[in-house]
Amino acid sequence: MRKNIVAGNWKMNTTLPEGLALAKGLNDALKNKTTNCDVIIGTPFTHLASVVAAIDTDKIGVAAENCADKEKGAYTGEVSAAMVASTGAKYVILGHSERRAYYHETPEILKTKVELALANGLTPIFCIGEVLAEREAGKHFEVVDEQIKGSLFNLSAEDFAKIILAYEPVWAIGTGKTATADQAEEIHAHIRATLAAQYGQEIADNCTILYGGSCNASNAKELFSKPDVDGGLIGGASLSVEKFLPIIEAFDK
């Protein structure tokens, strides 16, 4: 059975003291609470080991926001999947639209990153999604299919079953625009059908697919009520316990 997940992506925000305070604040808020979803926070590399040590990792999972496409060696400034795993983080966000757009990460690069993440025991949260021009041209199904096939369909069924997908309409990230709940459900259902065609219905049904595009306290409940939307990858709202907690609570009965 697939999991419901609310994951925060802090991006390039918070100093180490600020990040620790945020993580501890969320930890305290969840301490005596039973949630109906798994909670993950994606922090900058500099924060990983300290955050893992400061929180209850049975309650909150920790993700890196990226990892290198090389195993190790003379790659100054890069952080390998093995390094991420050594901090105690269990997840890594890969293929985010910002990495694709600003750092020119190709499907081939992302394929390697996914393989290295899995080899080091990390669970990839793999991001896919179209830009506004592609949506307006009616190419959104085609774009997400190509992104999935280009980086993930080399995996065995056993390895693919370890992947979490995050659909992010790039036109709705940080813009205040949000795909309607029906738009989100339509493309999530399409993604699941694409997975079923490759790996069979059982693996498709068990794959968690998150929505990531200006999800907040006011729209989370409606988005998460859709049968193929299994939670959210949350940007700006994850930088505040007061804004992040109601999104987690959107799964409460």
C-alpha atoms as a PDB file:
ATOM      1  CA  MET A   1       0.000   0.000   0.000  1.00  0.00           C
ATOM      2  CA  ARG A   2       1.413   3.365  -0.960  1.00  0.00           C
ATOM      3  CA  LYS A   3       2.289   5.916   1.687  1.00  0.00           C
ATOM      4  CA  ASN A   4       0.911   9.417   2.142  1.00  0.00           C
ATOM      5  CA  ILE A   5       3.839  11.818   2.534  1.00  0.00           C
ATOM      6  CA  VAL A   6       4.285  15.527   3.213  1.00  0.00           C
ATOM      7  CA  ALA A   7       7.864  16.550   2.411  1.00  0.00           C
ATOM      8  CA  GLY A   8       9.430  19.977   2.862  1.00  0.00           C
ATOM      9  CA  ASN A   9      12.094  21.312   0.497  1.00  0.00           C
ATOM     10  CA  TRP A  10      13.941  24.151   2.218  1.00  0.00           C
ATOM     11  CA  LYS A  11      16.003  24.973  -0.905  1.00  0.00           C
ATOM     12  CA  MET A  12      18.866  27.441  -0.289  1.00  0.00           C
ATOM     13  CA  ASN A  13      17.350  28.877   2.868  1.00  0.00           C
ATOM     14  CA  THR A  14      18.305  28.962   6.572  1.00  0.00           C
ATOM     15  CA  THR A  15      21.694  29.122   8.220  1.00  0.00           C
ATOM     16  CA  LEU A  16      22.619  26.101  10.321  1.00  0.00           C
ATOM     17  CA  PRO A  17      21.293  27.653  13.592  1.00  0.00           C
ATOM     18  CA  GLU A  18      18.079  28.724  11.836  1.00  0.00           C
ATOM     19  CA  GLY A  19      17.639  25.283  10.280  1.00  0.00           C
ATOM     20  CA  LEU A  20      18.194  23.526  13.589  1.00  0.00           C
ATOM     21  CA  ALA A  21      15.627  25.777  15.263  1.00  0.00           C
ATOM     22  CA  LEU A  22      13.111  25.040  12.483  1.00  0.00           C
ATOM     23  CA  ALA A  23      13.693  21.285  12.641  1.00  0.00           C
ATOM     24  CA  LYS A  24      13.435  21.238  16.431  1.00  0.00           C
ATOM     25  CA  GLY A  25      10.280  23.345  16.301  1.00  0.00           C
ATOM     26  CA  LEU A  26       8.642  20.877  13.907  1.00  0.00           C
ATOM     27  CA  ASN A  27       9.862  17.976  16.022  1.00  0.00           C
ATOM     28  CA  ASP A  28       8.279  19.516  19.132  1.00  0.00           C
ATOM     29  CA  ALA A  29       5.026  20.203  17.289  1.00  0.00           C
ATOM     30  CA  LEU A  30       4.764  16.558  16.203  1.00  0.00           C
ATOM     31  CA  LYS A  31       6.064  14.987  19.428  1.00  0.00           C
ATOM     32  CA  ASN A  32       2.718  13.960  20.907  1.00  0.00           C
ATOM     33  CA  LYS A  33       0.800  13.912  17.650  1.00  0.00           C
ATOM     34  CA  THR A  34      -0.243  10.922  15.548  1.00  0.00           C
ATOM     35  CA  THR A  35      -0.004  11.879  11.885  1.00  0.00           C
ATOM     36  CA  ASN A  36      -1.789  10.202   8.991  1.00  0.00           C
ATOM     37  CA  CYS A  37       1.185  10.721   6.707  1.00  0.00           C
ATOM     38  CA  ASP A  38       4.956  10.375   6.767  1.00  0.00           C
ATOM     39  CA  VAL A  39       6.806  13.684   7.243  1.00  0.00           C
ATOM     40  CA  ILE A  40      10.150  14.456   5.560  1.00  0.00           C
ATOM     41  CA  ILE A  41      12.283  17.612   5.576  1.00  0.00           C
ATOM     42  CA  GLY A  42      14.805  18.341   2.823  1.00  0.00           C
ATOM     43  CA  THR A  43      17.639  20.492   4.183  1.00  0.00           C
ATOM     44  CA  PRO A  44      20.858  21.994   2.779  1.00  0.00           C
ATOM     45  CA  PHE A  45      23.871  19.653   2.891  1.00  0.00           C
ATOM     46  CA  THR A  46      25.434  21.691   5.719  1.00  0.00           C
ATOM     47  CA  HIS A  47      22.487  20.899   7.993  1.00  0.00           C
ATOM     48  CA  LEU A  48      21.990  17.183   7.439  1.00  0.00           C
ATOM     49  CA  ALA A  49      24.060  15.566  10.206  1.00  0.00           C
ATOM     50  CA  SER A  50      23.065  18.166  12.797  1.00  0.00           C
ATOM     51  CA  VAL A  51      19.358  17.924  11.993  1.00  0.00           C
ATOM     52  CA  VAL A  52      19.413  14.112  12.041  1.00  0.00           C
ATOM     53  CA  ALA A  53      20.989  14.246  15.527  1.00  0.00           C
ATOM     54  CA  ALA A  54      18.523  16.842  16.825  1.00  0.00           C
ATOM     55  CA  ILE A  55      15.160  15.260  15.933  1.00  0.00           C
ATOM     56  CA  ASP A  56      13.243  12.014  16.290  1.00  0.00           C
ATOM     57  CA  THR A  57      13.939  10.419  12.914  1.00  0.00           C
ATOM     58  CA  ASP A  58      11.178   7.872  13.529  1.00  0.00           C
ATOM     59  CA  LYS A  59       8.814  10.839  13.367  1.00  0.00           C
ATOM     60  CA  ILE A  60      10.517  13.000  10.716  1.00  0.00           C
ATOM     61  CA  GLY A  61      12.606  11.712   7.804  1.00  0.00           C
ATOM     62  CA  VAL A  62      15.528  13.785   6.544  1.00  0.00           C
ATOM     63  CA  ALA A  63      16.376  14.350   2.877  1.00  0.00           C
ATOM     64  CA  ALA A  64      19.269  15.942   1.035  1.00  0.00           C
ATOM     65  CA  GLU A  65      18.213  18.322  -1.723  1.00  0.00           C
ATOM     66  CA  ASN A  66      20.589  16.792  -4.285  1.00  0.00           C
ATOM     67  CA  CYS A  67      23.612  14.538  -4.680  1.00  0.00           C
ATOM     68  CA  ALA A  68      26.442  14.215  -7.188  1.00  0.00           C
ATOM     69  CA  ASP A  69      26.360  12.043 -10.302  1.00  0.00           C
ATOM     70  CA  LYS A  70      29.839  10.722  -9.438  1.00  0.00           C
ATOM     71  CA  GLU A  71      30.700   8.100  -6.845  1.00  0.00           C
ATOM     72  CA  LYS A  72      33.780   9.884  -5.430  1.00  0.00           C
ATOM     73  CA  GLY A  73      37.012  11.548  -6.540  1.00  0.00           C
ATOM     74  CA  ALA A  74      38.343  14.870  -7.764  1.00  0.00           C
ATOM     75  CA  TYR A  75      35.032  16.744  -8.000  1.00  0.00           C
ATOM     76  CA  THR A  76      35.631  19.754  -5.793  1.00  0.00           C
ATOM     77  CA  GLY A  77      32.505  21.012  -4.065  1.00  0.00           C
ATOM     78  CA  GLU A  78      30.325  18.018  -4.927  1.00  0.00           C
ATOM     79  CA  VAL A  79      28.555  15.848  -2.346  1.00  0.00           C
ATOM     80  CA  SER A  80      28.190  12.155  -3.111  1.00  0.00           C
ATOM     81  CA  ALA A  81      25.269   9.859  -2.320  1.00  0.00           C
ATOM     82  CA  ALA A  82      27.565   7.967   0.069  1.00  0.00           C
ATOM     83  CA  MET A  83      28.335  11.218   1.918  1.00  0.00           C
ATOM     84  CA  VAL A  84      24.619  11.990   2.199  1.00  0.00           C
ATOM     85  CA  ALA A  85      23.883   8.505   3.531  1.00  0.00           C
ATOM     86  CA  SER A  86      26.703   8.812   6.078  1.00  0.00           C
ATOM     87  CA  THR A  87      24.884  11.751   7.741  1.00  0.00           C
ATOM     88  CA  GLY A  88      21.910   9.551   8.594  1.00  0.00           C
ATOM     89  CA  ALA A  89      19.655  11.133   5.954  1.00  0.00           C
ATOM     90  CA  LYS A  90      17.424   8.528   4.300  1.00  0.00           C
ATOM     91  CA  TYR A  91      16.092  10.461   1.301  1.00  0.00           C
ATOM     92  CA  VAL A  92      17.399  12.629  -1.529  1.00  0.00           C
ATOM     93  CA  ILE A  93      15.453  15.022  -3.781  1.00  0.00           C
ATOM     94  CA  LEU A  94      16.525  14.558  -7.420  1.00  0.00           C
ATOM     95  CA  GLY A  95      15.480  16.155 -10.707  1.00  0.00           C
ATOM     96  CA  HIS A  96      13.946  19.277  -9.179  1.00  0.00           C
ATOM     97  CA  SER A  97      12.962  21.757 -11.884  1.00  0.00           C
ATOM     98  CA  GLU A  98      15.467  24.281 -10.507  1.00  0.00           C
ATOM     99  CA  ARG A  99      18.291  21.738 -10.923  1.00  0.00           C
ATOM    100  CA  ARG A 100      17.138  20.973 -14.468  1.00  0.00           C
ATOM    101  CA  ALA A 101      16.764  24.643 -15.437  1.00  0.00           C
ATOM    102  CA  TYR A 102      19.683  26.359 -13.667  1.00  0.00           C
ATOM    103  CA  TYR A 103      22.250  23.555 -13.581  1.00  0.00           C
ATOM    104  CA  HIS A 104      21.342  21.827 -16.852  1.00  0.00           C
ATOM    105  CA  GLU A 105      20.799  18.395 -15.350  1.00  0.00           C
ATOM    106  CA  THR A 106      19.923  16.016 -18.182  1.00  0.00           C
ATOM    107  CA  PRO A 107      17.913  12.778 -18.027  1.00  0.00           C
ATOM    108  CA  GLU A 108      21.220  10.884 -18.322  1.00  0.00           C
ATOM    109  CA  ILE A 109      22.784  12.744 -15.363  1.00  0.00           C
ATOM    110  CA  LEU A 110      19.650  12.129 -13.299  1.00  0.00           C
ATOM    111  CA  LYS A 111      19.626   8.447 -14.230  1.00  0.00           C
ATOM    112  CA  THR A 112      23.127   8.142 -12.744  1.00  0.00           C
ATOM    113  CA  LYS A 113      22.153  10.091  -9.619  1.00  0.00           C
ATOM    114  CA  VAL A 114      19.166   7.800  -9.035  1.00  0.00           C
ATOM    115  CA  GLU A 115      21.338   4.700  -9.419  1.00  0.00           C
ATOM    116  CA  LEU A 116      23.952   6.048  -6.976  1.00  0.00           C
ATOM    117  CA  ALA A 117      21.280   7.064  -4.480  1.00  0.00           C
ATOM    118  CA  LEU A 118      19.717   3.601  -4.535  1.00  0.00           C
ATOM    119  CA  ALA A 119      23.133   1.922  -4.308  1.00  0.00           C
ATOM    120  CA  ASN A 120      23.747   3.863  -1.096  1.00  0.00           C
ATOM    121  CA  GLY A 121      20.420   3.007   0.497  1.00  0.00           C
ATOM    122  CA  LEU A 122      18.776   6.387  -0.136  1.00  0.00           C
ATOM    123  CA  THR A 123      15.181   6.788  -1.277  1.00  0.00           C
ATOM    124  CA  PRO A 124      14.983   9.215  -4.222  1.00  0.00           C
ATOM    125  CA  ILE A 125      12.167  11.756  -4.317  1.00  0.00           C
ATOM    126  CA  PHE A 126      12.237  12.193  -8.079  1.00  0.00           C
ATOM    127  CA  CYS A 127      10.714  15.379  -9.502  1.00  0.00           C
ATOM    128  CA  ILE A 128       8.993  15.694 -12.866  1.00  0.00           C
ATOM    129  CA  GLY A 129       6.871  18.417 -14.436  1.00  0.00           C
ATOM    130  CA  GLU A 130       6.306  20.809 -17.294  1.00  0.00           C
ATOM    131  CA  VAL A 131       6.894  24.537 -17.784  1.00  0.00           C
ATOM    132  CA  LEU A 132       4.068  26.918 -18.712  1.00  0.00           C
ATOM    133  CA  ALA A 133       4.767  26.860 -22.475  1.00  0.00           C
ATOM    134  CA  GLU A 134       4.596  23.056 -22.470  1.00  0.00           C
ATOM    135  CA  ARG A 135       1.329  23.084 -20.515  1.00  0.00           C
ATOM    136  CA  GLU A 136      -0.191  25.667 -22.866  1.00  0.00           C
ATOM    137  CA  ALA A 137       0.916  23.609 -25.887  1.00  0.00           C
ATOM    138  CA  GLY A 138      -0.819  20.552 -24.440  1.00  0.00           C
ATOM    139  CA  LYS A 139       2.470  18.685 -24.077  1.00  0.00           C
ATOM    140  CA  HIS A 140       2.354  18.109 -20.318  1.00  0.00           C
ATOM    141  CA  PHE A 141       1.617  14.378 -20.548  1.00  0.00           C
ATOM    142  CA  GLU A 142       4.378  13.916 -23.109  1.00  0.00           C
ATOM    143  CA  VAL A 143       6.907  15.888 -21.017  1.00  0.00           C
ATOM    144  CA  VAL A 144       6.374  13.919 -17.798  1.00  0.00           C
ATOM    145  CA  ASP A 145       6.451  10.618 -19.692  1.00  0.00           C
ATOM    146  CA  GLU A 146       9.798  11.528 -21.258  1.00  0.00           C
ATOM    147  CA  GLN A 147      11.241  12.590 -17.896  1.00  0.00           C
ATOM    148  CA  ILE A 148      10.195   9.330 -16.249  1.00  0.00           C
ATOM    149  CA  LYS A 149      11.312   7.111 -19.124  1.00  0.00           C
ATOM    150  CA  GLY A 150      14.592   8.982 -19.608  1.00  0.00           C
ATOM    151  CA  SER A 151      15.795   8.583 -16.027  1.00  0.00           C
ATOM    152  CA  LEU A 152      13.853   5.772 -14.333  1.00  0.00           C
ATOM    153  CA  PHE A 153      12.696   3.093 -16.764  1.00  0.00           C
ATOM    154  CA  ASN A 154      16.154   1.511 -16.814  1.00  0.00           C
ATOM    155  CA  LEU A 155      15.466   0.382 -13.238  1.00  0.00           C
ATOM    156  CA  SER A 156      14.309  -3.093 -12.329  1.00  0.00           C
ATOM    157  CA  ALA A 157      10.792  -3.349 -10.939  1.00  0.00           C
ATOM    158  CA  GLU A 158      12.326  -4.000  -7.510  1.00  0.00           C
ATOM    159  CA  ASP A 159      14.373  -0.798  -7.637  1.00  0.00           C
ATOM    160  CA  PHE A 160      11.614   1.316  -9.165  1.00  0.00           C
ATOM    161  CA  ALA A 161       9.380   0.317  -6.252  1.00  0.00           C
ATOM    162  CA  LYS A 162      11.760   2.301  -3.978  1.00  0.00           C
ATOM    163  CA  ILE A 163      11.150   5.599  -5.831  1.00  0.00           C
ATOM    164  CA  ILE A 164       8.870   8.415  -4.656  1.00  0.00           C
ATOM    165  CA  LEU A 165       7.669  10.657  -7.493  1.00  0.00           C
ATOM    166  CA  ALA A 166       6.866  14.353  -7.135  1.00  0.00           C
ATOM    167  CA  TYR A 167       4.899  16.046  -9.911  1.00  0.00           C
ATOM    168  CA  GLU A 168       5.654  19.763  -9.966  1.00  0.00           C
ATOM    169  CA  PRO A 169       4.009  22.002 -12.545  1.00  0.00           C
ATOM    170  CA  VAL A 170       6.909  24.420 -12.939  1.00  0.00           C
ATOM    171  CA  TRP A 171       4.495  27.252 -13.726  1.00  0.00           C
ATOM    172  CA  ALA A 172       3.031  26.856 -10.216  1.00  0.00           C
ATOM    173  CA  ILE A 173       6.237  26.912  -8.160  1.00  0.00           C
ATOM    174  CA  GLY A 174       6.650  30.073  -6.137  1.00  0.00           C
ATOM    175  CA  THR A 175       4.220  31.905  -8.425  1.00  0.00           C
ATOM    176  CA  GLY A 176       1.149  31.639  -6.254  1.00  0.00           C
ATOM    177  CA  LYS A 177      -0.522  29.770  -9.146  1.00  0.00           C
ATOM    178  CA  THR A 178      -1.634  26.264  -8.340  1.00  0.00           C
ATOM    179  CA  ALA A 179      -2.893  23.499 -10.543  1.00  0.00           C
ATOM    180  CA  THR A 180      -6.502  22.860  -9.617  1.00  0.00           C
ATOM    181  CA  ALA A 181      -7.148  19.666  -7.696  1.00  0.00           C
ATOM    182  CA  ASP A 182      -8.720  18.233 -10.859  1.00  0.00           C
ATOM    183  CA  GLN A 183      -5.676  19.180 -12.965  1.00  0.00           C
ATOM    184  CA  ALA A 184      -3.386  17.579 -10.394  1.00  0.00           C
ATOM    185  CA  GLU A 185      -5.497  14.415 -10.290  1.00  0.00           C
ATOM    186  CA  GLU A 186      -5.613  14.203 -14.105  1.00  0.00           C
ATOM    187  CA  ILE A 187      -1.834  14.208 -14.518  1.00  0.00           C
ATOM    188  CA  HIS A 188      -1.158  12.057 -11.444  1.00  0.00           C
ATOM    189  CA  ALA A 189      -3.556   9.441 -12.856  1.00  0.00           C
ATOM    190  CA  HIS A 190      -1.781   9.683 -16.214  1.00  0.00           C
ATOM    191  CA  ILE A 191       1.604   9.169 -14.517  1.00  0.00           C
ATOM    192  CA  ARG A 192       0.266   6.118 -12.717  1.00  0.00           C
ATOM    193  CA  ALA A 193      -1.000   4.690 -16.016  1.00  0.00           C
ATOM    194  CA  THR A 194       2.455   5.237 -17.557  1.00  0.00           C
ATOM    195  CA  LEU A 195       4.019   3.329 -14.648  1.00  0.00           C
ATOM    196  CA  ALA A 196       1.468   0.520 -14.979  1.00  0.00           C
ATOM    197  CA  ALA A 197       2.306   0.086 -18.662  1.00  0.00           C
ATOM    198  CA  GLN A 198       5.985  -0.381 -17.789  1.00  0.00           C
ATOM    199  CA  TYR A 199       5.944  -2.180 -14.432  1.00  0.00           C
ATOM    200  CA  GLY A 200       2.409  -3.492 -13.958  1.00  0.00           C
ATOM    201  CA  GLN A 201      -0.585  -2.239 -12.024  1.00  0.00           C
ATOM    202  CA  GLU A 202       0.583  -3.356  -8.575  1.00  0.00           C
ATOM    203  CA  ILE A 203       3.797  -1.306  -8.663  1.00  0.00           C
ATOM    204  CA  ALA A 204       1.911   1.657 -10.160  1.00  0.00           C
ATOM    205  CA  ASP A 205      -0.723   1.462  -7.410  1.00  0.00           C
ATOM    206  CA  ASN A 206       1.960   1.316  -4.717  1.00  0.00           C
ATOM    207  CA  CYS A 207       3.996   4.290  -6.014  1.00  0.00           C
ATOM    208  CA  THR A 208       3.626   7.456  -3.944  1.00  0.00           C
ATOM    209  CA  ILE A 209       3.134  10.491  -6.210  1.00  0.00           C
ATOM    210  CA  LEU A 210       3.387  13.875  -4.475  1.00  0.00           C
ATOM    211  CA  TYR A 211       2.108  17.209  -5.773  1.00  0.00           C
ATOM    212  CA  GLY A 212       4.606  20.073  -5.651  1.00  0.00           C
ATOM    213  CA  GLY A 213       3.423  23.479  -6.772  1.00  0.00           C
ATOM    214  CA  SER A 214       2.324  26.214  -4.351  1.00  0.00           C
ATOM    215  CA  CYS A 215       0.602  23.721  -2.063  1.00  0.00           C
ATOM    216  CA  ASN A 216      -0.443  25.404   1.180  1.00  0.00           C
ATOM    217  CA  ALA A 217      -2.793  25.132   4.146  1.00  0.00           C
ATOM    218  CA  SER A 218      -5.764  26.451   2.172  1.00  0.00           C
ATOM    219  CA  ASN A 219      -5.612  24.004  -0.740  1.00  0.00           C
ATOM    220  CA  ALA A 220      -3.851  20.934   0.711  1.00  0.00           C
ATOM    221  CA  LYS A 221      -6.986  19.139   1.901  1.00  0.00           C
ATOM    222  CA  GLU A 222      -8.674  19.356  -1.499  1.00  0.00           C
ATOM    223  CA  LEU A 223      -5.503  18.301  -3.352  1.00  0.00           C
ATOM    224  CA  PHE A 224      -4.824  15.396  -0.994  1.00  0.00           C
ATOM    225  CA  SER A 225      -8.422  14.167  -1.250  1.00  0.00           C
ATOM    226  CA  LYS A 226      -7.838  13.151  -4.866  1.00  0.00           C
ATOM    227  CA  PRO A 227      -7.260   9.400  -5.296  1.00  0.00           C
ATOM    228  CA  ASP A 228      -3.932   9.688  -7.113  1.00  0.00           C
ATOM    229  CA  VAL A 229      -2.436  12.578  -5.083  1.00  0.00           C
ATOM    230  CA  ASP A 230      -0.525  11.068  -2.169  1.00  0.00           C
ATOM    231  CA  GLY A 231       0.774  14.220  -0.506  1.00  0.00           C
ATOM    232  CA  GLY A 232       2.960  17.194  -1.277  1.00  0.00           C
ATOM    233  CA  LEU A 233       6.505  18.386  -1.846  1.00  0.00           C
ATOM    234  CA  ILE A 234       6.294  21.747  -0.129  1.00  0.00           C
ATOM    235  CA  GLY A 235       8.614  24.697  -0.748  1.00  0.00           C
ATOM    236  CA  GLY A 236       8.097  28.052   0.948  1.00  0.00           C
ATOM    237  CA  ALA A 237       5.458  26.860   3.413  1.00  0.00           C
ATOM    238  CA  SER A 238       7.912  24.298   4.849  1.00  0.00           C
ATOM    239  CA  LEU A 239      10.104  27.118   6.206  1.00  0.00           C
ATOM    240  CA  SER A 240       7.594  27.834   8.972  1.00  0.00           C
ATOM    241  CA  VAL A 241       6.185  25.322  11.448  1.00  0.00           C
ATOM    242  CA  GLU A 242       2.980  27.373  11.571  1.00  0.00           C
ATOM    243  CA  LYS A 243       2.511  27.042   7.787  1.00  0.00           C
ATOM    244  CA  PHE A 244       3.851  23.485   7.393  1.00  0.00           C
ATOM    245  CA  LEU A 245       1.890  21.841  10.201  1.00  0.00           C
ATOM    246  CA  PRO A 246      -1.589  22.512   8.726  1.00  0.00           C
ATOM    247  CA  ILE A 247      -0.459  20.847   5.481  1.00  0.00           C
ATOM    248  CA  ILE A 248       0.554  17.748   7.448  1.00  0.00           C
ATOM    249  CA  GLU A 249      -2.771  17.923   9.277  1.00  0.00           C
ATOM    250  CA  ALA A 250      -4.650  18.005   5.951  1.00  0.00           C
ATOM    251  CA  PHE A 251      -4.474  14.199   6.091  1.00  0.00           C
ATOM    252  CA  ASP A 252      -6.290  14.117   9.441  1.00  0.00           C
ATOM    253  CA  LYS A 253      -9.719  12.600   9.275  1.00  0.00           C
END
